[in-house]
Each structure stands twice: as structure tokens, then as C-alpha cells.
Amino acid sequence: MISKKITPEELWARQGITSLDVDYHYWDRKRELVRQMSSVSQSCLFVVDVFKKRYDFASENFSRLFGYAPEWIEAIREQGDWLEERIHPDDRKQLVEYQVDHGQFIYSLPVGCRNDYQQVFQFRVLNTCGEYVNVVSRHQVFQTDKNGRAWMIMGVMDISPDQVPGERVKRTVVNRKTGEIVKSATCLSMVKPLTDREKEVLLLIRQGFLSKEIADKLQVSIYTVNNHRKSILAKLQVDNAIEAINLANDSGILF
């Protein structure tokens, strides 16, 4: 299936989590453990409920580090996107794109490996002095539903030691079990996007079809298919079809 432009909410909804798959009585007890952990941490902790599509918890350190009113943080579940709105508008747009990229990436993996990855971001957050400060924020699956699907996402945010003004979000994706850095995911934003037809050709290449067979399936000339192949290699900045397929598998270019 060829991926199309979608929102993070639409992507997560494809997991198909239902109310029968989540136990909020259990989570209420676990949230209290998160609260206790946050009380001894200097970092800002937050939890996002993927099923309800809202913040579930944010620690008091958001008040200490950014000057936010404690009552705003305490009522985070009723605040909607209040914390999201503290992020620089340009960075927020990039973060949404990265969320979609990451969702497509993990859906390209076997089910048992999908929750193994942590995203590490650097972006800008507004404090109550009206200043944007660089932060480092680490996001990973914290609690799964009864079927092992991502339910609660935890973030750990700190003021970045790098306060050099920047105009782009920095991102690294790390396998928490092996320590491997997924380089293709961090480089995905630097390659030019493929057209729907180029994605279709790349998908058929991944399935093992030759150019003549692809031409027959798509009812185009082999000359057109070869031009698509050349364009794919140029846009993905790779030397051959195998490298293009590996990049597609690693980064979720194809859903």
C-alpha cells in the first residue's frame, strides 16, 4: 500500500486500539508511580495517551524550568494542546512530520520490534519570559495495550546545553535494546519526497518485479519506468535499487 499524507492521529488510529484493550484502573496506579518518579527527577516528564489523543500527565518541573503556572500543569488533561502550543510554530510543524515518518517506520517493522525505538529531539519551547529556549526531549512507548500496541508515550524533556539559535528540529532515532542509531530515519527529511508513481514503482521493485514487468503492470513504457528508477535513486541519494529498498524499509517511505 502506498502511503499518503496523513496526520499523526490518523496514523495511530490505524493501530485499532479499542476500549476493551486498555485498562485505565491499572493505568491510574501506574500514573501515580510516574508522579512519584517525577518528584525526584530534575527533568520534565510527560505522558501522552495515544488512545484518547491527549496529554495524560505532566510534571511540576514544567513550572520550575519554564515558569508555567502549576495549576496549568496539574490540569494538563483538560488543557488540550496547551503544551504543544508552547513549541515554536516552525518546530511544531516539523515535529508533526517526524511523528508521521516515525509511525510509518515502525509499521514497517515486525510487531514485536515496534516499541523498541526512542526518538530524541532538540527543538524550541517558549517560557513565560517570552523567550524560546532549546530543549532536548526523549520520546518512547511507556505502556502498551493488551495486544502490545503503543498506548502511552512518555517524554522526558530537559533544557539543552546547546542554546545556539537554530531553525530546524534535530532528531535521532535509537533502538533502546541495541543502542543502534537509525541513520536513515534521521536523514529522511533531507531527501526529496517521492511522487505517488515513484513510490508505486519502488514498491514493485521491492516485490521483485523487473522493469519490463513493472511497465506491463502500470501500462507505461519501459523507458518511463527506467526514468522513474533514475529519479528514485537521485531523490533518495543512493547508488542502486538495493540501497533504495533498504532505505524504504528502514524509514517507512512505503507504508
C-alpha atoms as a PDB file:
ATOM      1  CA  MET A   1       0.000   0.000   0.000  1.00  0.00           C
ATOM      2  CA  ILE A   2       1.371   3.422  -0.933  1.00  0.00           C
ATOM      3  CA  SER A   3       1.476   5.948   1.924  1.00  0.00           C
ATOM      4  CA  LYS A   4      -0.325   9.283   1.565  1.00  0.00           C
ATOM      5  CA  LYS A   5      -0.100  12.467   3.571  1.00  0.00           C
ATOM      6  CA  ILE A   6      -1.822  11.776   6.862  1.00  0.00           C
ATOM      7  CA  THR A   7      -1.874  13.188  10.373  1.00  0.00           C
ATOM      8  CA  PRO A   8      -0.247  11.523  13.395  1.00  0.00           C
ATOM      9  CA  GLU A   9      -3.726  10.964  14.837  1.00  0.00           C
ATOM     10  CA  GLU A  10      -4.850   9.104  11.714  1.00  0.00           C
ATOM     11  CA  LEU A  11      -1.676   7.038  11.740  1.00  0.00           C
ATOM     12  CA  TRP A  12      -2.000   5.992  15.372  1.00  0.00           C
ATOM     13  CA  ALA A  13      -5.697   5.248  14.842  1.00  0.00           C
ATOM     14  CA  ARG A  14      -4.640   2.530  12.406  1.00  0.00           C
ATOM     15  CA  GLN A  15      -3.497   0.508  15.399  1.00  0.00           C
ATOM     16  CA  GLY A  16      -7.150  -0.201  16.061  1.00  0.00           C
ATOM     17  CA  ILE A  17      -6.977   0.145  19.854  1.00  0.00           C
ATOM     18  CA  THR A  18     -10.427  -0.142  21.463  1.00  0.00           C
ATOM     19  CA  SER A  19     -11.698   0.499  24.988  1.00  0.00           C
ATOM     20  CA  LEU A  20     -11.525  -3.255  25.586  1.00  0.00           C
ATOM     21  CA  ASP A  21      -7.759  -3.194  25.021  1.00  0.00           C
ATOM     22  CA  VAL A  22      -6.864  -0.584  27.670  1.00  0.00           C
ATOM     23  CA  ASP A  23      -7.214  -0.785  31.452  1.00  0.00           C
ATOM     24  CA  TYR A  24      -7.467   2.691  32.983  1.00  0.00           C
ATOM     25  CA  HIS A  25      -7.796   1.330  36.529  1.00  0.00           C
ATOM     26  CA  TYR A  26      -4.351  -0.196  36.083  1.00  0.00           C
ATOM     27  CA  TRP A  27      -3.047   2.988  34.471  1.00  0.00           C
ATOM     28  CA  ASP A  28      -4.304   5.134  37.382  1.00  0.00           C
ATOM     29  CA  ARG A  29      -2.000   3.163  39.679  1.00  0.00           C
ATOM     30  CA  LYS A  30       0.889   3.359  37.246  1.00  0.00           C
ATOM     31  CA  ARG A  31       0.390   7.107  36.751  1.00  0.00           C
ATOM     32  CA  GLU A  32       0.937   7.532  40.467  1.00  0.00           C
ATOM     33  CA  LEU A  33       4.303   5.784  40.085  1.00  0.00           C
ATOM     34  CA  VAL A  34       5.162   8.197  37.274  1.00  0.00           C
ATOM     35  CA  ARG A  35       4.197  11.092  39.554  1.00  0.00           C
ATOM     36  CA  GLN A  36       6.485   9.774  42.294  1.00  0.00           C
ATOM     37  CA  MET A  37       9.309   9.316  39.796  1.00  0.00           C
ATOM     38  CA  SER A  38       8.866  12.876  38.551  1.00  0.00           C
ATOM     39  CA  SER A  39       9.142  14.222  42.095  1.00  0.00           C
ATOM     40  CA  VAL A  40      12.755  13.038  42.353  1.00  0.00           C
ATOM     41  CA  SER A  41      13.724  13.932  38.794  1.00  0.00           C
ATOM     42  CA  GLN A  42      15.103  17.263  37.598  1.00  0.00           C
ATOM     43  CA  SER A  43      13.639  16.623  34.134  1.00  0.00           C
ATOM     44  CA  CYS A  44      10.182  17.494  32.840  1.00  0.00           C
ATOM     45  CA  LEU A  45       8.198  14.283  32.404  1.00  0.00           C
ATOM     46  CA  PHE A  46       5.017  13.981  30.377  1.00  0.00           C
ATOM     47  CA  VAL A  47       2.797  11.164  29.123  1.00  0.00           C
ATOM     48  CA  VAL A  48       0.574  11.189  26.037  1.00  0.00           C
ATOM     49  CA  ASP A  49      -2.443   8.882  25.803  1.00  0.00           C
ATOM     50  CA  VAL A  50      -2.500   7.632  22.198  1.00  0.00           C
ATOM     51  CA  PHE A  51      -5.979   6.112  22.570  1.00  0.00           C
ATOM     52  CA  LYS A  52      -7.610   9.303  23.898  1.00  0.00           C
ATOM     53  CA  LYS A  53      -5.277  11.540  21.838  1.00  0.00           C
ATOM     54  CA  ARG A  54      -4.437  13.856  24.732  1.00  0.00           C
ATOM     55  CA  TYR A  55      -1.835  14.567  27.390  1.00  0.00           C
ATOM     56  CA  ASP A  56      -2.362  12.374  30.438  1.00  0.00           C
ATOM     57  CA  PHE A  57       0.330  13.743  32.762  1.00  0.00           C
ATOM     58  CA  ALA A  58       2.954  16.474  33.018  1.00  0.00           C
ATOM     59  CA  SER A  59       5.355  17.008  35.900  1.00  0.00           C
ATOM     60  CA  GLU A  60       5.695  20.079  38.109  1.00  0.00           C
ATOM     61  CA  ASN A  61       9.164  20.718  36.682  1.00  0.00           C
ATOM     62  CA  PHE A  62       7.493  22.443  33.720  1.00  0.00           C
ATOM     63  CA  SER A  63       6.715  25.193  36.218  1.00  0.00           C
ATOM     64  CA  ARG A  64      10.255  25.296  37.575  1.00  0.00           C
ATOM     65  CA  LEU A  65      12.078  25.269  34.234  1.00  0.00           C
ATOM     66  CA  PHE A  66       9.706  27.345  32.098  1.00  0.00           C
ATOM     67  CA  GLY A  67       7.736  29.374  34.641  1.00  0.00           C
ATOM     68  CA  TYR A  68       4.367  27.853  33.725  1.00  0.00           C
ATOM     69  CA  ALA A  69       1.647  28.182  36.352  1.00  0.00           C
ATOM     70  CA  PRO A  70       1.414  24.966  38.444  1.00  0.00           C
ATOM     71  CA  GLU A  71      -2.361  24.835  38.025  1.00  0.00           C
ATOM     72  CA  TRP A  72      -1.932  24.727  34.221  1.00  0.00           C
ATOM     73  CA  ILE A  73       0.313  21.699  34.540  1.00  0.00           C
ATOM     74  CA  GLU A  74      -1.929  19.991  37.078  1.00  0.00           C
ATOM     75  CA  ALA A  75      -4.872  20.307  34.686  1.00  0.00           C
ATOM     76  CA  ILE A  76      -2.936  19.088  31.638  1.00  0.00           C
ATOM     77  CA  ARG A  77      -5.592  16.507  30.755  1.00  0.00           C
ATOM     78  CA  GLU A  78      -8.117  19.321  30.298  1.00  0.00           C
ATOM     79  CA  GLN A  79      -5.693  21.702  28.592  1.00  0.00           C
ATOM     80  CA  GLY A  80      -5.834  20.165  25.120  1.00  0.00           C
ATOM     81  CA  ASP A  81      -2.800  21.172  23.094  1.00  0.00           C
ATOM     82  CA  TRP A  82      -1.586  23.789  25.574  1.00  0.00           C
ATOM     83  CA  LEU A  83       1.903  22.272  25.890  1.00  0.00           C
ATOM     84  CA  GLU A  84       2.078  21.745  22.129  1.00  0.00           C
ATOM     85  CA  GLU A  85       1.342  25.429  21.638  1.00  0.00           C
ATOM     86  CA  ARG A  86       4.450  26.363  23.682  1.00  0.00           C
ATOM     87  CA  ILE A  87       6.583  24.835  20.905  1.00  0.00           C
ATOM     88  CA  HIS A  88       7.879  27.211  18.239  1.00  0.00           C
ATOM     89  CA  PRO A  89       5.364  27.094  15.323  1.00  0.00           C
ATOM     90  CA  ASP A  90       8.029  26.129  12.767  1.00  0.00           C
ATOM     91  CA  ASP A  91       9.350  23.368  15.024  1.00  0.00           C
ATOM     92  CA  ARG A  92       5.862  22.097  15.765  1.00  0.00           C
ATOM     93  CA  LYS A  93       5.216  21.601  12.054  1.00  0.00           C
ATOM     94  CA  GLN A  94       8.468  19.656  11.682  1.00  0.00           C
ATOM     95  CA  LEU A  95       7.662  17.531  14.740  1.00  0.00           C
ATOM     96  CA  VAL A  96       4.318  16.535  13.224  1.00  0.00           C
ATOM     97  CA  GLU A  97       6.109  15.459  10.032  1.00  0.00           C
ATOM     98  CA  TYR A  98       8.595  13.449  12.088  1.00  0.00           C
ATOM     99  CA  GLN A  99       5.768  11.748  14.004  1.00  0.00           C
ATOM    100  CA  VAL A 100       4.248  10.577  10.735  1.00  0.00           C
ATOM    101  CA  ASP A 101       7.656   9.462   9.424  1.00  0.00           C
ATOM    102  CA  HIS A 102       8.323   7.541  12.630  1.00  0.00           C
ATOM    103  CA  GLY A 103       4.897   5.924  12.600  1.00  0.00           C
ATOM    104  CA  GLN A 104       5.432   4.711   9.051  1.00  0.00           C
ATOM    105  CA  PHE A 105       8.886   3.490  10.032  1.00  0.00           C
ATOM    106  CA  ILE A 106       7.692   1.403  12.976  1.00  0.00           C
ATOM    107  CA  TYR A 107       4.805  -0.043  10.946  1.00  0.00           C
ATOM    108  CA  SER A 108       7.413  -1.364   8.523  1.00  0.00           C
ATOM    109  CA  LEU A 109       8.864  -3.467  11.375  1.00  0.00           C
ATOM    110  CA  PRO A 110       7.729  -6.817  12.819  1.00  0.00           C
ATOM    111  CA  VAL A 111       5.097  -6.274  15.539  1.00  0.00           C
ATOM    112  CA  GLY A 112       7.426  -7.440  18.313  1.00  0.00           C
ATOM    113  CA  CYS A 113      10.021  -4.760  17.459  1.00  0.00           C
ATOM    114  CA  ARG A 114       7.794  -1.728  17.077  1.00  0.00           C
ATOM    115  CA  ASN A 115       8.104  -0.431  20.640  1.00  0.00           C
ATOM    116  CA  ASP A 116      11.897  -0.697  20.839  1.00  0.00           C
ATOM    117  CA  TYR A 117      12.690   2.768  19.498  1.00  0.00           C
ATOM    118  CA  GLN A 118      13.255   6.092  21.209  1.00  0.00           C
ATOM    119  CA  GLN A 119      13.142   9.417  19.380  1.00  0.00           C
ATOM    120  CA  VAL A 120      15.435  12.172  20.660  1.00  0.00           C
ATOM    121  CA  PHE A 121      14.588  15.708  19.580  1.00  0.00           C
ATOM    122  CA  GLN A 122      16.015  19.170  20.014  1.00  0.00           C
ATOM    123  CA  PHE A 123      13.513  21.977  19.431  1.00  0.00           C
ATOM    124  CA  ARG A 124      12.419  25.365  20.806  1.00  0.00           C
ATOM    125  CA  VAL A 125       9.939  25.917  23.651  1.00  0.00           C
ATOM    126  CA  LEU A 126       8.505  29.211  24.853  1.00  0.00           C
ATOM    127  CA  ASN A 127       8.963  30.178  28.510  1.00  0.00           C
ATOM    128  CA  THR A 128       6.929  32.737  30.451  1.00  0.00           C
ATOM    129  CA  CYS A 129       9.581  35.412  29.790  1.00  0.00           C
ATOM    130  CA  GLY A 130       8.618  35.268  26.128  1.00  0.00           C
ATOM    131  CA  GLU A 131      11.896  33.574  25.149  1.00  0.00           C
ATOM    132  CA  TYR A 132      12.319  30.423  23.094  1.00  0.00           C
ATOM    133  CA  VAL A 133      14.822  28.032  24.651  1.00  0.00           C
ATOM    134  CA  ASN A 134      16.301  24.890  23.101  1.00  0.00           C
ATOM    135  CA  VAL A 135      15.212  21.661  24.777  1.00  0.00           C
ATOM    136  CA  VAL A 136      16.122  18.003  24.387  1.00  0.00           C
ATOM    137  CA  SER A 137      13.095  15.711  24.531  1.00  0.00           C
ATOM    138  CA  ARG A 138      13.192  11.894  24.523  1.00  0.00           C
ATOM    139  CA  HIS A 139      10.022  10.051  23.460  1.00  0.00           C
ATOM    140  CA  GLN A 140       9.306   6.319  23.712  1.00  0.00           C
ATOM    141  CA  VAL A 141       6.487   3.837  24.297  1.00  0.00           C
ATOM    142  CA  PHE A 142       5.915   3.571  28.053  1.00  0.00           C
ATOM    143  CA  GLN A 143       2.782   1.419  28.260  1.00  0.00           C
ATOM    144  CA  THR A 144       1.208  -0.905  25.706  1.00  0.00           C
ATOM    145  CA  ASP A 145      -2.360  -2.136  25.443  1.00  0.00           C
ATOM    146  CA  LYS A 146      -3.363  -5.752  25.977  1.00  0.00           C
ATOM    147  CA  ASN A 147      -2.166  -6.614  22.470  1.00  0.00           C
ATOM    148  CA  GLY A 148       1.231  -4.934  22.751  1.00  0.00           C
ATOM    149  CA  ARG A 149       0.307  -1.812  20.776  1.00  0.00           C
ATOM    150  CA  ALA A 150       1.600   1.635  21.762  1.00  0.00           C
ATOM    151  CA  TRP A 151      -0.851   3.163  24.254  1.00  0.00           C
ATOM    152  CA  MET A 152       1.052   5.618  26.486  1.00  0.00           C
ATOM    153  CA  ILE A 153       4.049   7.556  25.160  1.00  0.00           C
ATOM    154  CA  MET A 154       6.424   9.053  27.730  1.00  0.00           C
ATOM    155  CA  GLY A 155       8.554  12.116  27.102  1.00  0.00           C
ATOM    156  CA  VAL A 156      11.496  13.318  29.181  1.00  0.00           C
ATOM    157  CA  MET A 157      12.429  16.938  28.490  1.00  0.00           C
ATOM    158  CA  ASP A 158      15.464  18.941  29.617  1.00  0.00           C
ATOM    159  CA  ILE A 159      16.958  22.315  28.779  1.00  0.00           C
ATOM    160  CA  SER A 160      19.539  21.670  26.063  1.00  0.00           C
ATOM    161  CA  PRO A 161      23.173  22.559  26.781  1.00  0.00           C
ATOM    162  CA  ASP A 162      23.214  23.828  23.188  1.00  0.00           C
ATOM    163  CA  GLN A 163      21.448  27.192  23.148  1.00  0.00           C
ATOM    164  CA  VAL A 164      22.732  28.271  19.743  1.00  0.00           C
ATOM    165  CA  PRO A 165      19.677  29.574  17.843  1.00  0.00           C
ATOM    166  CA  GLY A 166      18.547  27.157  15.132  1.00  0.00           C
ATOM    167  CA  GLU A 167      15.775  26.956  12.592  1.00  0.00           C
ATOM    168  CA  ARG A 168      15.328  23.203  12.343  1.00  0.00           C
ATOM    169  CA  VAL A 169      14.403  20.386  14.675  1.00  0.00           C
ATOM    170  CA  LYS A 170      17.226  17.928  15.302  1.00  0.00           C
ATOM    171  CA  ARG A 171      16.208  14.285  15.595  1.00  0.00           C
ATOM    172  CA  THR A 172      17.864  10.970  16.307  1.00  0.00           C
ATOM    173  CA  VAL A 173      16.124   7.577  16.450  1.00  0.00           C
ATOM    174  CA  VAL A 174      17.729   4.981  18.731  1.00  0.00           C
ATOM    175  CA  ASN A 175      16.974   1.304  19.263  1.00  0.00           C
ATOM    176  CA  ARG A 176      16.719   1.131  23.067  1.00  0.00           C
ATOM    177  CA  LYS A 177      17.674  -2.560  23.148  1.00  0.00           C
ATOM    178  CA  THR A 178      20.744  -2.465  20.922  1.00  0.00           C
ATOM    179  CA  GLY A 179      21.792   1.181  21.041  1.00  0.00           C
ATOM    180  CA  GLU A 180      21.754   1.286  17.238  1.00  0.00           C
ATOM    181  CA  ILE A 181      21.090   4.705  15.707  1.00  0.00           C
ATOM    182  CA  VAL A 182      18.634   4.517  12.816  1.00  0.00           C
ATOM    183  CA  LYS A 183      20.503   6.798  10.464  1.00  0.00           C
ATOM    184  CA  SER A 184      18.019   6.570   7.643  1.00  0.00           C
ATOM    185  CA  ALA A 185      15.255   7.948   9.838  1.00  0.00           C
ATOM    186  CA  THR A 186      17.330  10.952  10.864  1.00  0.00           C
ATOM    187  CA  CYS A 187      18.231  11.621   7.230  1.00  0.00           C
ATOM    188  CA  LEU A 188      14.733  11.145   5.861  1.00  0.00           C
ATOM    189  CA  SER A 189      13.935  14.862   5.976  1.00  0.00           C
ATOM    190  CA  MET A 190      16.970  15.637   3.819  1.00  0.00           C
ATOM    191  CA  VAL A 191      15.865  13.585   0.819  1.00  0.00           C
ATOM    192  CA  LYS A 192      13.384  14.848  -1.737  1.00  0.00           C
ATOM    193  CA  PRO A 193       9.903  13.306  -1.459  1.00  0.00           C
ATOM    194  CA  LEU A 194       8.887  10.685  -3.987  1.00  0.00           C
ATOM    195  CA  THR A 195       5.800  11.069  -6.133  1.00  0.00           C
ATOM    196  CA  ASP A 196       2.982   8.543  -5.754  1.00  0.00           C
ATOM    197  CA  ARG A 197       4.023   6.879  -9.041  1.00  0.00           C
ATOM    198  CA  GLU A 198       7.676   6.674  -7.906  1.00  0.00           C
ATOM    199  CA  LYS A 199       6.534   5.061  -4.648  1.00  0.00           C
ATOM    200  CA  GLU A 200       4.467   2.611  -6.685  1.00  0.00           C
ATOM    201  CA  VAL A 201       7.479   1.731  -8.844  1.00  0.00           C
ATOM    202  CA  LEU A 202       9.691   1.336  -5.763  1.00  0.00           C
ATOM    203  CA  LEU A 203       7.124  -0.917  -4.136  1.00  0.00           C
ATOM    204  CA  LEU A 204       7.073  -3.161  -7.234  1.00  0.00           C
ATOM    205  CA  ILE A 205      10.883  -3.224  -7.301  1.00  0.00           C
ATOM    206  CA  ARG A 206      10.831  -4.319  -3.656  1.00  0.00           C
ATOM    207  CA  GLN A 207       8.445  -7.117  -4.640  1.00  0.00           C
ATOM    208  CA  GLY A 208      10.980  -8.366  -7.182  1.00  0.00           C
ATOM    209  CA  PHE A 209       9.463  -7.200 -10.468  1.00  0.00           C
ATOM    210  CA  LEU A 210      11.769  -6.268 -13.351  1.00  0.00           C
ATOM    211  CA  SER A 211      11.401  -3.029 -15.306  1.00  0.00           C
ATOM    212  CA  LYS A 212       9.580  -4.721 -18.209  1.00  0.00           C
ATOM    213  CA  GLU A 213       7.145  -6.374 -15.792  1.00  0.00           C
ATOM    214  CA  ILE A 214       6.566  -3.077 -13.993  1.00  0.00           C
ATOM    215  CA  ALA A 215       5.909  -1.374 -17.330  1.00  0.00           C
ATOM    216  CA  ASP A 216       3.316  -4.026 -18.197  1.00  0.00           C
ATOM    217  CA  LYS A 217       1.609  -3.735 -14.789  1.00  0.00           C
ATOM    218  CA  LEU A 218       1.443   0.057 -14.908  1.00  0.00           C
ATOM    219  CA  GLN A 219       0.684   0.135 -18.650  1.00  0.00           C
ATOM    220  CA  VAL A 220       3.559   2.502 -19.405  1.00  0.00           C
ATOM    221  CA  SER A 221       6.717   2.181 -21.486  1.00  0.00           C
ATOM    222  CA  ILE A 222       9.883   0.636 -20.102  1.00  0.00           C
ATOM    223  CA  TYR A 223      11.540   3.976 -20.899  1.00  0.00           C
ATOM    224  CA  THR A 224       9.147   5.657 -18.417  1.00  0.00           C
ATOM    225  CA  VAL A 225       9.863   3.035 -15.753  1.00  0.00           C
ATOM    226  CA  ASN A 226      13.611   3.479 -16.145  1.00  0.00           C
ATOM    227  CA  ASN A 227      13.216   7.237 -15.808  1.00  0.00           C
ATOM    228  CA  HIS A 228      11.281   6.677 -12.572  1.00  0.00           C
ATOM    229  CA  ARG A 229      14.063   4.401 -11.324  1.00  0.00           C
ATOM    230  CA  LYS A 230      16.688   7.067 -12.050  1.00  0.00           C
ATOM    231  CA  SER A 231      14.606   9.706 -10.300  1.00  0.00           C
ATOM    232  CA  ILE A 232      14.146   7.479  -7.222  1.00  0.00           C
ATOM    233  CA  LEU A 233      17.903   6.936  -6.882  1.00  0.00           C
ATOM    234  CA  ALA A 234      18.592  10.655  -7.275  1.00  0.00           C
ATOM    235  CA  LYS A 235      15.958  11.742  -4.760  1.00  0.00           C
ATOM    236  CA  LEU A 236      16.950   9.161  -2.145  1.00  0.00           C
ATOM    237  CA  GLN A 237      20.635   9.880  -2.707  1.00  0.00           C
ATOM    238  CA  VAL A 238      21.523   6.198  -3.181  1.00  0.00           C
ATOM    239  CA  ASP A 239      23.511   4.355  -5.841  1.00  0.00           C
ATOM    240  CA  ASN A 240      21.301   1.378  -6.657  1.00  0.00           C
ATOM    241  CA  ALA A 241      17.894  -0.212  -6.203  1.00  0.00           C
ATOM    242  CA  ILE A 242      19.009  -2.348  -3.250  1.00  0.00           C
ATOM    243  CA  GLU A 243      20.043   0.743  -1.298  1.00  0.00           C
ATOM    244  CA  ALA A 244      16.748   2.417  -2.227  1.00  0.00           C
ATOM    245  CA  ILE A 245      14.794  -0.596  -0.952  1.00  0.00           C
ATOM    246  CA  ASN A 246      16.808  -0.692   2.293  1.00  0.00           C
ATOM    247  CA  LEU A 247      16.137   2.997   2.874  1.00  0.00           C
ATOM    248  CA  ALA A 248      12.441   2.456   2.183  1.00  0.00           C
ATOM    249  CA  ASN A 249      12.324  -0.462   4.628  1.00  0.00           C
ATOM    250  CA  ASP A 250      14.197   1.411   7.363  1.00  0.00           C
ATOM    251  CA  SER A 251      12.393   4.726   7.161  1.00  0.00           C
ATOM    252  CA  GLY A 252       8.827   3.863   6.197  1.00  0.00           C
ATOM    253  CA  ILE A 253       8.844   5.647   2.835  1.00  0.00           C
ATOM    254  CA  LEU A 254       6.450   2.887   1.777  1.00  0.00           C
ATOM    255  CA  PHE A 255       3.614   2.054   4.187  1.00  0.00           C
END
